[in-house]
Structures are given as structure tokens and as C-alpha cells.
Amino acid sequence: GLVGEIISRGDFAIDIGR
């Protein structure tokens, strides 16, 4: 998200936040 963060897990990333 714009005010979230990128969490890298293995071969993919998750964009979390609002």
C-alpha cells in the first residue's frame, strides 16, 4: 500500500497497508 510495506516471502511479495 501507499502507507504500507512490502513483505518478501520466498519468490513473491505482498503489498500490505491502506
PDB file of N, CA and C in Angstrom:
ATOM      1  N   GLY A   1       0.808  -1.185   0.000  1.00  0.00           N
ATOM      2  CA  GLY A   1       0.000   0.000   0.000  1.00  0.00           C
ATOM      3  C   GLY A   1       0.860   1.261   0.000  1.00  0.00           C
ATOM      4  N   LEU A   2       0.235   2.396  -0.192  1.00  0.00           N
ATOM      5  CA  LEU A   2       0.972   3.648  -0.218  1.00  0.00           C
ATOM      6  C   LEU A   2       1.614   3.926   1.139  1.00  0.00           C
ATOM      7  N   VAL A   3       0.904   3.579   2.215  1.00  0.00           N
ATOM      8  CA  VAL A   3       1.447   3.798   3.547  1.00  0.00           C
ATOM      9  C   VAL A   3       1.696   2.459   4.224  1.00  0.00           C
ATOM     10  N   GLY A   4       1.844   1.435   3.369  1.00  0.00           N
ATOM     11  CA  GLY A   4       2.072   0.100   3.916  1.00  0.00           C
ATOM     12  C   GLY A   4       3.522  -0.302   3.748  1.00  0.00           C
ATOM     13  N   GLU A   5       3.739  -1.564   3.425  1.00  0.00           N
ATOM     14  CA  GLU A   5       5.095  -2.042   3.263  1.00  0.00           C
ATOM     15  C   GLU A   5       5.092  -3.301   2.399  1.00  0.00           C
ATOM     16  N   ILE A   6       6.243  -3.627   1.855  1.00  0.00           N
ATOM     17  CA  ILE A   6       6.374  -4.823   1.041  1.00  0.00           C
ATOM     18  C   ILE A   6       7.043  -5.919   1.866  1.00  0.00           C
ATOM     19  N   ILE A   7       6.351  -7.046   1.999  1.00  0.00           N
ATOM     20  CA  ILE A   7       6.910  -8.173   2.724  1.00  0.00           C
ATOM     21  C   ILE A   7       7.285  -9.268   1.729  1.00  0.00           C
ATOM     22  N   SER A   8       8.555  -9.593   1.689  1.00  0.00           N
ATOM     23  CA  SER A   8       9.019 -10.615   0.755  1.00  0.00           C
ATOM     24  C   SER A   8       8.982 -11.970   1.432  1.00  0.00           C
ATOM     25  N   ARG A   9       8.319 -12.897   0.782  1.00  0.00           N
ATOM     26  CA  ARG A   9       8.217 -14.256   1.297  1.00  0.00           C
ATOM     27  C   ARG A   9       8.527 -15.237   0.175  1.00  0.00           C
ATOM     28  N   GLY A  10       9.734 -15.747   0.162  1.00  0.00           N
ATOM     29  CA  GLY A  10      10.088 -16.699  -0.876  1.00  0.00           C
ATOM     30  C   GLY A  10      10.228 -16.011  -2.227  1.00  0.00           C
ATOM     31  N   ASP A  11       9.434 -16.485  -3.196  1.00  0.00           N
ATOM     32  CA  ASP A  11       9.541 -15.957  -4.555  1.00  0.00           C
ATOM     33  C   ASP A  11       8.445 -14.950  -4.863  1.00  0.00           C
ATOM     34  N   PHE A  12       7.760 -14.471  -3.815  1.00  0.00           N
ATOM     35  CA  PHE A  12       6.707 -13.497  -4.080  1.00  0.00           C
ATOM     36  C   PHE A  12       6.714 -12.422  -3.002  1.00  0.00           C
ATOM     37  N   ALA A  13       6.041 -11.337  -3.268  1.00  0.00           N
ATOM     38  CA  ALA A  13       5.974 -10.236  -2.316  1.00  0.00           C
ATOM     39  C   ALA A  13       4.526  -9.822  -2.116  1.00  0.00           C
ATOM     40  N   ILE A  14       4.214  -9.385  -0.905  1.00  0.00           N
ATOM     41  CA  ILE A  14       2.853  -8.948  -0.604  1.00  0.00           C
ATOM     42  C   ILE A  14       2.875  -7.470  -0.202  1.00  0.00           C
ATOM     43  N   ASP A  15       2.085  -6.685  -0.904  1.00  0.00           N
ATOM     44  CA  ASP A  15       1.966  -5.273  -0.592  1.00  0.00           C
ATOM     45  C   ASP A  15       0.817  -5.090   0.390  1.00  0.00           C
ATOM     46  N   ILE A  16       1.163  -4.749   1.648  1.00  0.00           N
ATOM     47  CA  ILE A  16       0.121  -4.580   2.652  1.00  0.00           C
ATOM     48  C   ILE A  16       0.021  -3.120   3.078  1.00  0.00           C
ATOM     49  N   GLY A  17      -1.124  -2.739   3.572  1.00  0.00           N
ATOM     50  CA  GLY A  17      -1.330  -1.368   4.001  1.00  0.00           C
ATOM     51  C   GLY A  17      -2.510  -0.730   3.287  1.00  0.00           C
ATOM     52  N   ARG A  18      -2.871   0.470   3.706  1.00  0.00           N
ATOM     53  CA  ARG A  18      -4.014   1.147   3.119  1.00  0.00           C
ATOM     54  C   ARG A  18      -3.555   2.156   2.069  1.00  0.00           C
TER      55      ARG A  18
END
